[in-house]
Amino acid sequence: MSNKITFAVLGVSETNSIFLAKQIAKTNPVLLFDHDAIVLNTVYSQILSEYSNVNAEMMICPTNASWEADVIILSNAAASDSNLTEKIRKVATGKIVIFLENKKNTNTSGNSAEKWQDLFPYSKVVQSFESADESNDSFFLNGNDKQAVKTILTLLTSIGLKADIL
């Protein structure tokens, strides 16, 4: 990918969102947000210490992070926060919004996809499910916008992760 895509990772207090933020930060700018300032600062510090020349930034507002990003990634906790999702709806227009679903929630994927698309009608919604194995590096993708799903698939595989389309 020749152009750098800026990612906002909202809710960096969950293992899968921390892992994804670290992997993305190796090659693309990342804006990090979490309601817990201690967790946010810890994850930010880890990224800076583990990788040289990263472009990562802590954000104190989910709306600003989402406004500045090309792609918005919401952890399970962030997606469950109706106040947060309401704040970013308008600035997510036309952007790819990825919802990280954990292993425990994959049995409601059909209803969940419709719910997220209804909540973000002017965004390109992509669901990302962890694989059934114990590794953090495998994801299954689902979404109505085939180009958005393909874009995320390409990104994930280009940063060394395993991804497939459901």
N, C-alpha and C. Protein backbone atom coordinates (compact mmCIF):
# COMPACT_ATOMS: atom_id res chain seq x y z
N MET A 1 0.85 -1.17 0.00
CA MET A 1 0.00 0.00 0.00
C MET A 1 0.90 1.24 0.00
N SER A 2 0.80 2.04 -1.01
CA SER A 2 1.69 3.18 -1.12
C SER A 2 1.27 4.34 -0.23
N ASN A 3 0.00 4.61 -0.12
CA ASN A 3 -0.48 5.68 0.73
C ASN A 3 -0.67 5.17 2.14
N LYS A 4 -0.23 5.94 3.11
CA LYS A 4 -0.41 5.58 4.51
C LYS A 4 -1.85 5.91 4.91
N ILE A 5 -2.49 4.92 5.52
CA ILE A 5 -3.85 5.09 6.02
C ILE A 5 -3.75 5.31 7.51
N THR A 6 -4.43 6.33 8.02
CA THR A 6 -4.43 6.61 9.46
C THR A 6 -5.57 5.86 10.11
N PHE A 7 -5.25 5.16 11.18
CA PHE A 7 -6.21 4.35 11.92
C PHE A 7 -6.46 4.93 13.30
N ALA A 8 -7.71 4.99 13.68
CA ALA A 8 -8.07 5.32 15.06
C ALA A 8 -8.47 4.01 15.72
N VAL A 9 -7.80 3.66 16.80
CA VAL A 9 -8.15 2.45 17.55
C VAL A 9 -8.79 2.92 18.85
N LEU A 10 -10.09 2.71 18.94
CA LEU A 10 -10.84 3.17 20.11
C LEU A 10 -11.09 1.99 21.04
N GLY A 11 -10.65 2.15 22.27
CA GLY A 11 -10.79 1.07 23.25
C GLY A 11 -9.58 0.18 23.25
N VAL A 12 -8.41 0.73 23.61
CA VAL A 12 -7.19 -0.06 23.58
C VAL A 12 -6.94 -0.82 24.88
N SER A 13 -7.99 -1.07 25.62
CA SER A 13 -7.83 -1.82 26.88
C SER A 13 -8.08 -3.32 26.69
N GLU A 14 -8.39 -3.75 25.48
CA GLU A 14 -8.63 -5.16 25.21
C GLU A 14 -7.46 -5.75 24.43
N THR A 15 -7.17 -7.01 24.69
CA THR A 15 -6.02 -7.68 24.10
C THR A 15 -6.00 -7.59 22.58
N ASN A 16 -7.13 -7.86 21.93
CA ASN A 16 -7.13 -7.86 20.47
C ASN A 16 -6.92 -6.46 19.89
N SER A 17 -7.44 -5.43 20.54
CA SER A 17 -7.24 -4.08 20.02
C SER A 17 -5.81 -3.60 20.27
N ILE A 18 -5.21 -4.00 21.41
CA ILE A 18 -3.81 -3.65 21.67
C ILE A 18 -2.91 -4.31 20.63
N PHE A 19 -3.13 -5.60 20.40
CA PHE A 19 -2.34 -6.34 19.42
C PHE A 19 -2.47 -5.71 18.04
N LEU A 20 -3.68 -5.42 17.63
CA LEU A 20 -3.91 -4.84 16.31
C LEU A 20 -3.27 -3.45 16.20
N ALA A 21 -3.41 -2.62 17.23
CA ALA A 21 -2.80 -1.29 17.22
C ALA A 21 -1.29 -1.38 17.07
N LYS A 22 -0.67 -2.32 17.78
CA LYS A 22 0.78 -2.49 17.69
C LYS A 22 1.20 -2.93 16.29
N GLN A 23 0.46 -3.87 15.71
CA GLN A 23 0.80 -4.35 14.37
C GLN A 23 0.63 -3.25 13.32
N ILE A 24 -0.46 -2.51 13.41
CA ILE A 24 -0.71 -1.45 12.44
C ILE A 24 0.32 -0.34 12.58
N ALA A 25 0.72 -0.03 13.81
CA ALA A 25 1.67 1.07 14.06
C ALA A 25 3.02 0.83 13.40
N LYS A 26 3.32 -0.41 13.07
CA LYS A 26 4.60 -0.71 12.41
C LYS A 26 4.68 -0.05 11.04
N THR A 27 3.52 0.11 10.38
CA THR A 27 3.54 0.62 9.00
C THR A 27 2.64 1.83 8.75
N ASN A 28 1.70 2.10 9.65
CA ASN A 28 0.73 3.18 9.42
C ASN A 28 0.54 4.03 10.67
N PRO A 29 0.13 5.27 10.50
CA PRO A 29 -0.17 6.11 11.66
C PRO A 29 -1.35 5.56 12.45
N VAL A 30 -1.23 5.63 13.79
CA VAL A 30 -2.29 5.12 14.67
C VAL A 30 -2.63 6.18 15.72
N LEU A 31 -3.92 6.42 15.86
CA LEU A 31 -4.44 7.31 16.90
C LEU A 31 -5.11 6.42 17.95
N LEU A 32 -4.66 6.51 19.19
CA LEU A 32 -5.14 5.63 20.24
C LEU A 32 -6.07 6.36 21.19
N PHE A 33 -7.17 5.71 21.55
CA PHE A 33 -8.09 6.28 22.53
C PHE A 33 -8.60 5.19 23.46
N ASP A 34 -8.71 5.54 24.73
CA ASP A 34 -9.38 4.70 25.72
C ASP A 34 -9.86 5.62 26.84
N HIS A 35 -10.99 5.28 27.44
CA HIS A 35 -11.49 6.08 28.57
C HIS A 35 -10.54 6.01 29.76
N ASP A 36 -9.82 4.92 29.89
CA ASP A 36 -8.88 4.73 30.99
C ASP A 36 -7.53 5.33 30.59
N ALA A 37 -7.20 6.49 31.15
CA ALA A 37 -5.97 7.19 30.79
C ALA A 37 -4.72 6.39 31.13
N ILE A 38 -4.76 5.62 32.18
CA ILE A 38 -3.59 4.83 32.58
C ILE A 38 -3.33 3.74 31.53
N VAL A 39 -4.38 3.05 31.10
CA VAL A 39 -4.24 2.03 30.07
C VAL A 39 -3.77 2.66 28.76
N LEU A 40 -4.36 3.76 28.41
CA LEU A 40 -3.98 4.47 27.18
C LEU A 40 -2.50 4.83 27.19
N ASN A 41 -2.05 5.40 28.27
CA ASN A 41 -0.65 5.79 28.39
C ASN A 41 0.27 4.57 28.35
N THR A 42 -0.14 3.47 28.99
CA THR A 42 0.65 2.24 29.01
C THR A 42 0.81 1.67 27.60
N VAL A 43 -0.30 1.55 26.89
CA VAL A 43 -0.26 1.00 25.52
C VAL A 43 0.57 1.91 24.62
N TYR A 44 0.39 3.19 24.73
CA TYR A 44 1.15 4.15 23.93
C TYR A 44 2.65 4.00 24.20
N SER A 45 3.01 3.91 25.46
CA SER A 45 4.42 3.74 25.84
C SER A 45 4.99 2.43 25.32
N GLN A 46 4.19 1.36 25.38
CA GLN A 46 4.63 0.06 24.86
C GLN A 46 4.92 0.14 23.37
N ILE A 47 4.03 0.77 22.63
CA ILE A 47 4.21 0.89 21.18
C ILE A 47 5.49 1.67 20.87
N LEU A 48 5.70 2.78 21.57
CA LEU A 48 6.89 3.59 21.32
C LEU A 48 8.17 2.85 21.69
N SER A 49 8.12 2.05 22.76
CA SER A 49 9.34 1.35 23.17
C SER A 49 9.62 0.10 22.33
N GLU A 50 8.58 -0.55 21.80
CA GLU A 50 8.77 -1.78 21.03
C GLU A 50 9.16 -1.54 19.58
N TYR A 51 8.75 -0.42 19.03
CA TYR A 51 8.98 -0.17 17.61
C TYR A 51 9.59 1.21 17.41
N SER A 52 10.66 1.25 16.63
CA SER A 52 11.26 2.54 16.32
C SER A 52 10.53 3.16 15.13
N ASN A 53 10.56 4.45 15.07
CA ASN A 53 9.98 5.20 13.95
C ASN A 53 8.48 4.96 13.75
N VAL A 54 7.74 4.74 14.81
CA VAL A 54 6.29 4.59 14.66
C VAL A 54 5.63 5.96 14.70
N ASN A 55 4.47 6.01 14.11
CA ASN A 55 3.67 7.22 14.13
C ASN A 55 2.42 6.92 14.94
N ALA A 56 2.52 7.06 16.26
CA ALA A 56 1.39 6.79 17.15
C ALA A 56 1.13 8.04 17.99
N GLU A 57 -0.14 8.24 18.29
CA GLU A 57 -0.53 9.42 19.06
C GLU A 57 -1.66 9.04 20.00
N MET A 58 -1.57 9.55 21.24
CA MET A 58 -2.66 9.36 22.20
C MET A 58 -3.70 10.45 21.95
N MET A 59 -4.95 10.07 22.00
CA MET A 59 -6.03 11.03 21.79
C MET A 59 -6.91 11.04 23.04
N ILE A 60 -7.35 12.21 23.46
CA ILE A 60 -8.20 12.29 24.64
C ILE A 60 -9.68 12.35 24.30
N CYS A 61 -9.97 12.38 23.01
CA CYS A 61 -11.36 12.48 22.57
C CYS A 61 -11.61 11.50 21.41
N PRO A 62 -12.61 10.62 21.55
CA PRO A 62 -12.88 9.67 20.47
C PRO A 62 -13.36 10.35 19.19
N THR A 63 -14.04 11.46 19.32
CA THR A 63 -14.53 12.18 18.14
C THR A 63 -13.36 12.73 17.33
N ASN A 64 -12.40 13.36 18.01
CA ASN A 64 -11.23 13.89 17.31
C ASN A 64 -10.41 12.78 16.67
N ALA A 65 -10.23 11.67 17.39
CA ALA A 65 -9.49 10.54 16.83
C ALA A 65 -10.18 10.03 15.57
N SER A 66 -11.48 9.90 15.63
CA SER A 66 -12.25 9.39 14.49
C SER A 66 -12.26 10.38 13.34
N TRP A 67 -12.33 11.65 13.65
CA TRP A 67 -12.32 12.70 12.63
C TRP A 67 -11.03 12.68 11.83
N GLU A 68 -9.90 12.49 12.52
CA GLU A 68 -8.60 12.53 11.88
C GLU A 68 -8.24 11.23 11.15
N ALA A 69 -8.93 10.15 11.45
CA ALA A 69 -8.58 8.84 10.91
C ALA A 69 -9.27 8.57 9.58
N ASP A 70 -8.64 7.68 8.80
CA ASP A 70 -9.26 7.17 7.58
C ASP A 70 -10.10 5.93 7.90
N VAL A 71 -9.63 5.15 8.89
CA VAL A 71 -10.30 3.92 9.30
C VAL A 71 -10.44 3.96 10.81
N ILE A 72 -11.63 3.59 11.30
CA ILE A 72 -11.91 3.58 12.73
C ILE A 72 -12.09 2.14 13.18
N ILE A 73 -11.35 1.75 14.21
CA ILE A 73 -11.44 0.40 14.76
C ILE A 73 -12.00 0.51 16.17
N LEU A 74 -13.10 -0.20 16.42
CA LEU A 74 -13.71 -0.20 17.74
C LEU A 74 -13.57 -1.56 18.40
N SER A 75 -13.00 -1.58 19.60
CA SER A 75 -12.93 -2.81 20.37
C SER A 75 -14.34 -3.17 20.83
N ASN A 76 -14.49 -4.36 21.38
CA ASN A 76 -15.78 -4.78 21.90
C ASN A 76 -16.33 -3.79 22.91
N ALA A 77 -15.48 -3.37 23.85
CA ALA A 77 -15.91 -2.45 24.90
C ALA A 77 -16.32 -1.10 24.31
N ALA A 78 -15.54 -0.60 23.36
CA ALA A 78 -15.86 0.69 22.74
C ALA A 78 -17.16 0.60 21.95
N ALA A 79 -17.36 -0.50 21.23
CA ALA A 79 -18.58 -0.68 20.45
C ALA A 79 -19.81 -0.82 21.34
N SER A 80 -19.62 -1.31 22.54
CA SER A 80 -20.73 -1.47 23.49
C SER A 80 -21.09 -0.17 24.18
N ASP A 81 -20.24 0.82 24.07
CA ASP A 81 -20.46 2.11 24.71
C ASP A 81 -21.30 3.00 23.79
N SER A 82 -22.61 3.03 24.04
CA SER A 82 -23.51 3.78 23.15
C SER A 82 -23.19 5.27 23.13
N ASN A 83 -22.69 5.81 24.21
CA ASN A 83 -22.31 7.22 24.25
C ASN A 83 -21.15 7.47 23.28
N LEU A 84 -20.17 6.59 23.28
CA LEU A 84 -19.02 6.72 22.39
C LEU A 84 -19.45 6.58 20.93
N THR A 85 -20.22 5.55 20.62
CA THR A 85 -20.63 5.35 19.23
C THR A 85 -21.48 6.53 18.73
N GLU A 86 -22.29 7.10 19.60
CA GLU A 86 -23.09 8.26 19.20
C GLU A 86 -22.19 9.45 18.89
N LYS A 87 -21.12 9.61 19.67
CA LYS A 87 -20.19 10.73 19.46
C LYS A 87 -19.46 10.65 18.12
N ILE A 88 -19.18 9.44 17.65
CA ILE A 88 -18.36 9.32 16.43
C ILE A 88 -19.18 9.11 15.16
N ARG A 89 -20.47 8.89 15.29
CA ARG A 89 -21.32 8.59 14.11
C ARG A 89 -21.16 9.59 12.98
N LYS A 90 -21.26 10.86 13.30
CA LYS A 90 -21.23 11.88 12.24
C LYS A 90 -19.87 12.02 11.58
N VAL A 91 -18.79 11.82 12.35
CA VAL A 91 -17.46 11.96 11.76
C VAL A 91 -17.00 10.68 11.07
N ALA A 92 -17.78 9.60 11.20
CA ALA A 92 -17.45 8.33 10.56
C ALA A 92 -18.03 8.23 9.14
N THR A 93 -18.75 9.23 8.72
CA THR A 93 -19.38 9.21 7.40
C THR A 93 -18.34 8.99 6.30
N GLY A 94 -18.59 7.97 5.47
CA GLY A 94 -17.74 7.66 4.34
C GLY A 94 -16.48 6.88 4.71
N LYS A 95 -16.27 6.60 5.98
CA LYS A 95 -15.07 5.90 6.42
C LYS A 95 -15.36 4.43 6.68
N ILE A 96 -14.31 3.65 6.71
CA ILE A 96 -14.43 2.25 7.11
C ILE A 96 -14.44 2.20 8.63
N VAL A 97 -15.44 1.53 9.19
CA VAL A 97 -15.55 1.35 10.63
C VAL A 97 -15.48 -0.14 10.89
N ILE A 98 -14.45 -0.56 11.63
CA ILE A 98 -14.26 -1.98 11.92
C ILE A 98 -14.68 -2.26 13.36
N PHE A 99 -15.50 -3.27 13.53
CA PHE A 99 -15.92 -3.70 14.85
C PHE A 99 -15.21 -5.01 15.16
N LEU A 100 -14.39 -4.99 16.21
CA LEU A 100 -13.68 -6.19 16.63
C LEU A 100 -14.61 -7.02 17.51
N GLU A 101 -15.00 -8.15 17.00
CA GLU A 101 -15.85 -9.06 17.77
C GLU A 101 -14.95 -10.12 18.39
N ASN A 102 -15.15 -10.38 19.67
CA ASN A 102 -14.32 -11.42 20.27
C ASN A 102 -14.96 -12.78 20.06
N LYS A 103 -14.25 -13.83 20.44
CA LYS A 103 -14.70 -15.20 20.19
C LYS A 103 -16.06 -15.48 20.81
N LYS A 104 -16.34 -14.86 21.94
CA LYS A 104 -17.58 -15.14 22.66
C LYS A 104 -18.81 -14.58 21.96
N ASN A 105 -18.62 -13.59 21.10
CA ASN A 105 -19.76 -12.93 20.49
C ASN A 105 -20.03 -13.33 19.05
N THR A 106 -19.30 -14.29 18.50
CA THR A 106 -19.43 -14.60 17.08
C THR A 106 -20.74 -15.28 16.74
N ASN A 107 -21.46 -15.84 17.70
CA ASN A 107 -22.71 -16.52 17.38
C ASN A 107 -23.85 -15.55 17.09
N THR A 108 -23.66 -14.25 17.29
CA THR A 108 -24.69 -13.27 16.98
C THR A 108 -24.27 -12.39 15.80
N SER A 109 -23.39 -12.90 14.96
CA SER A 109 -22.79 -12.08 13.92
C SER A 109 -23.79 -11.50 12.93
N GLY A 110 -24.80 -12.23 12.54
CA GLY A 110 -25.76 -11.73 11.57
C GLY A 110 -26.52 -10.53 12.09
N ASN A 111 -27.07 -10.64 13.28
CA ASN A 111 -27.80 -9.53 13.88
C ASN A 111 -26.88 -8.35 14.15
N SER A 112 -25.67 -8.65 14.56
CA SER A 112 -24.70 -7.62 14.89
C SER A 112 -24.33 -6.80 13.66
N ALA A 113 -24.11 -7.46 12.54
CA ALA A 113 -23.75 -6.75 11.31
C ALA A 113 -24.84 -5.76 10.91
N GLU A 114 -26.08 -6.18 10.98
CA GLU A 114 -27.19 -5.28 10.65
C GLU A 114 -27.27 -4.13 11.64
N LYS A 115 -27.07 -4.43 12.91
CA LYS A 115 -27.11 -3.40 13.95
C LYS A 115 -26.06 -2.33 13.70
N TRP A 116 -24.82 -2.75 13.40
CA TRP A 116 -23.76 -1.79 13.18
C TRP A 116 -24.00 -0.97 11.91
N GLN A 117 -24.50 -1.61 10.85
CA GLN A 117 -24.76 -0.87 9.62
C GLN A 117 -25.89 0.12 9.83
N ASP A 118 -26.90 -0.23 10.62
CA ASP A 118 -27.98 0.71 10.94
C ASP A 118 -27.46 1.89 11.76
N LEU A 119 -26.54 1.61 12.67
CA LEU A 119 -25.98 2.65 13.52
C LEU A 119 -25.06 3.59 12.74
N PHE A 120 -24.36 3.04 11.75
CA PHE A 120 -23.45 3.81 10.92
C PHE A 120 -23.86 3.68 9.45
N PRO A 121 -25.03 4.25 9.07
CA PRO A 121 -25.57 4.04 7.72
C PRO A 121 -24.72 4.64 6.60
N TYR A 122 -23.90 5.63 6.90
CA TYR A 122 -23.10 6.28 5.86
C TYR A 122 -21.62 5.90 5.96
N SER A 123 -21.36 4.80 6.65
CA SER A 123 -19.99 4.28 6.78
C SER A 123 -19.92 2.91 6.13
N LYS A 124 -18.71 2.48 5.91
CA LYS A 124 -18.47 1.14 5.36
C LYS A 124 -18.13 0.23 6.54
N VAL A 125 -19.10 -0.51 7.01
CA VAL A 125 -18.96 -1.32 8.21
C VAL A 125 -18.32 -2.67 7.89
N VAL A 126 -17.27 -3.01 8.64
CA VAL A 126 -16.60 -4.29 8.51
C VAL A 126 -16.54 -4.91 9.91
N GLN A 127 -16.96 -6.16 10.00
CA GLN A 127 -16.82 -6.90 11.25
C GLN A 127 -15.58 -7.76 11.16
N SER A 128 -14.84 -7.81 12.24
CA SER A 128 -13.65 -8.62 12.31
C SER A 128 -13.81 -9.58 13.48
N PHE A 129 -13.75 -10.87 13.18
CA PHE A 129 -13.90 -11.91 14.20
C PHE A 129 -12.55 -12.57 14.43
N GLU A 130 -12.22 -12.80 15.69
CA GLU A 130 -11.01 -13.56 16.00
C GLU A 130 -11.22 -14.99 15.54
N SER A 131 -10.13 -15.63 15.19
CA SER A 131 -10.23 -17.04 14.82
C SER A 131 -10.48 -17.87 16.08
N ALA A 132 -10.85 -19.11 15.89
CA ALA A 132 -11.15 -20.00 17.01
C ALA A 132 -9.91 -20.46 17.75
N ASP A 133 -8.74 -20.36 17.09
CA ASP A 133 -7.53 -20.80 17.79
C ASP A 133 -7.10 -19.74 18.81
N GLU A 134 -6.08 -20.01 19.55
CA GLU A 134 -5.66 -19.13 20.63
C GLU A 134 -4.76 -17.97 20.18
N SER A 135 -4.38 -17.94 18.92
CA SER A 135 -3.50 -16.86 18.46
C SER A 135 -4.30 -15.58 18.26
N ASN A 136 -3.60 -14.45 18.38
CA ASN A 136 -4.23 -13.15 18.17
C ASN A 136 -4.08 -12.68 16.73
N ASP A 137 -3.41 -13.47 15.89
CA ASP A 137 -3.06 -12.95 14.57
C ASP A 137 -3.94 -13.44 13.43
N SER A 138 -5.08 -14.07 13.73
CA SER A 138 -5.99 -14.56 12.70
C SER A 138 -7.37 -13.91 12.84
N PHE A 139 -7.86 -13.40 11.72
CA PHE A 139 -9.15 -12.71 11.73
C PHE A 139 -10.00 -13.15 10.54
N PHE A 140 -11.31 -13.16 10.76
CA PHE A 140 -12.26 -13.37 9.69
C PHE A 140 -13.02 -12.06 9.52
N LEU A 141 -13.23 -11.65 8.27
CA LEU A 141 -13.87 -10.37 7.98
C LEU A 141 -15.22 -10.57 7.32
N ASN A 142 -16.13 -9.66 7.62
CA ASN A 142 -17.47 -9.70 7.08
C ASN A 142 -17.94 -8.26 6.91
N GLY A 143 -18.70 -7.99 5.85
CA GLY A 143 -19.25 -6.65 5.65
C GLY A 143 -20.00 -6.56 4.35
N ASN A 144 -20.87 -5.56 4.24
CA ASN A 144 -21.68 -5.38 3.03
C ASN A 144 -20.91 -4.73 1.89
N ASP A 145 -19.91 -3.92 2.23
CA ASP A 145 -19.13 -3.22 1.21
C ASP A 145 -17.91 -4.07 0.87
N LYS A 146 -17.97 -4.74 -0.27
CA LYS A 146 -16.91 -5.67 -0.67
C LYS A 146 -15.54 -4.99 -0.80
N GLN A 147 -15.52 -3.75 -1.28
CA GLN A 147 -14.26 -3.03 -1.43
C GLN A 147 -13.65 -2.71 -0.07
N ALA A 148 -14.48 -2.33 0.90
CA ALA A 148 -13.98 -2.04 2.24
C ALA A 148 -13.41 -3.29 2.89
N VAL A 149 -14.10 -4.42 2.73
CA VAL A 149 -13.62 -5.69 3.28
C VAL A 149 -12.29 -6.07 2.63
N LYS A 150 -12.21 -5.89 1.32
CA LYS A 150 -10.96 -6.21 0.60
C LYS A 150 -9.82 -5.30 1.04
N THR A 151 -10.11 -4.03 1.27
CA THR A 151 -9.10 -3.09 1.74
C THR A 151 -8.54 -3.53 3.09
N ILE A 152 -9.42 -3.92 3.99
CA ILE A 152 -8.98 -4.35 5.32
C ILE A 152 -8.25 -5.69 5.23
N LEU A 153 -8.71 -6.59 4.39
CA LEU A 153 -8.03 -7.86 4.18
C LEU A 153 -6.59 -7.61 3.69
N THR A 154 -6.44 -6.74 2.72
CA THR A 154 -5.13 -6.40 2.18
C THR A 154 -4.24 -5.80 3.26
N LEU A 155 -4.79 -4.89 4.04
CA LEU A 155 -4.01 -4.27 5.10
C LEU A 155 -3.55 -5.30 6.11
N LEU A 156 -4.46 -6.13 6.61
CA LEU A 156 -4.11 -7.10 7.64
C LEU A 156 -3.04 -8.07 7.15
N THR A 157 -3.19 -8.54 5.93
CA THR A 157 -2.19 -9.48 5.41
C THR A 157 -0.86 -8.78 5.14
N SER A 158 -0.89 -7.51 4.77
CA SER A 158 0.36 -6.78 4.49
C SER A 158 1.17 -6.51 5.76
N ILE A 159 0.51 -6.53 6.91
CA ILE A 159 1.25 -6.31 8.17
C ILE A 159 1.53 -7.63 8.89
N GLY A 160 1.35 -8.73 8.16
CA GLY A 160 1.76 -10.03 8.69
C GLY A 160 0.71 -10.81 9.45
N LEU A 161 -0.54 -10.40 9.35
CA LEU A 161 -1.61 -11.12 10.03
C LEU A 161 -2.30 -12.07 9.05
N LYS A 162 -3.02 -13.01 9.59
CA LYS A 162 -3.79 -13.94 8.77
C LYS A 162 -5.23 -13.45 8.78
N ALA A 163 -5.80 -13.31 7.60
CA ALA A 163 -7.18 -12.84 7.50
C ALA A 163 -7.86 -13.55 6.34
N ASP A 164 -9.17 -13.72 6.49
CA ASP A 164 -9.97 -14.34 5.45
C ASP A 164 -11.35 -13.71 5.50
N ILE A 165 -12.09 -13.83 4.41
CA ILE A 165 -13.44 -13.27 4.33
C ILE A 165 -14.44 -14.37 4.62
N LEU A 166 -15.41 -14.05 5.47
CA LEU A 166 -16.48 -15.02 5.79
C LEU A 166 -17.44 -15.15 4.63
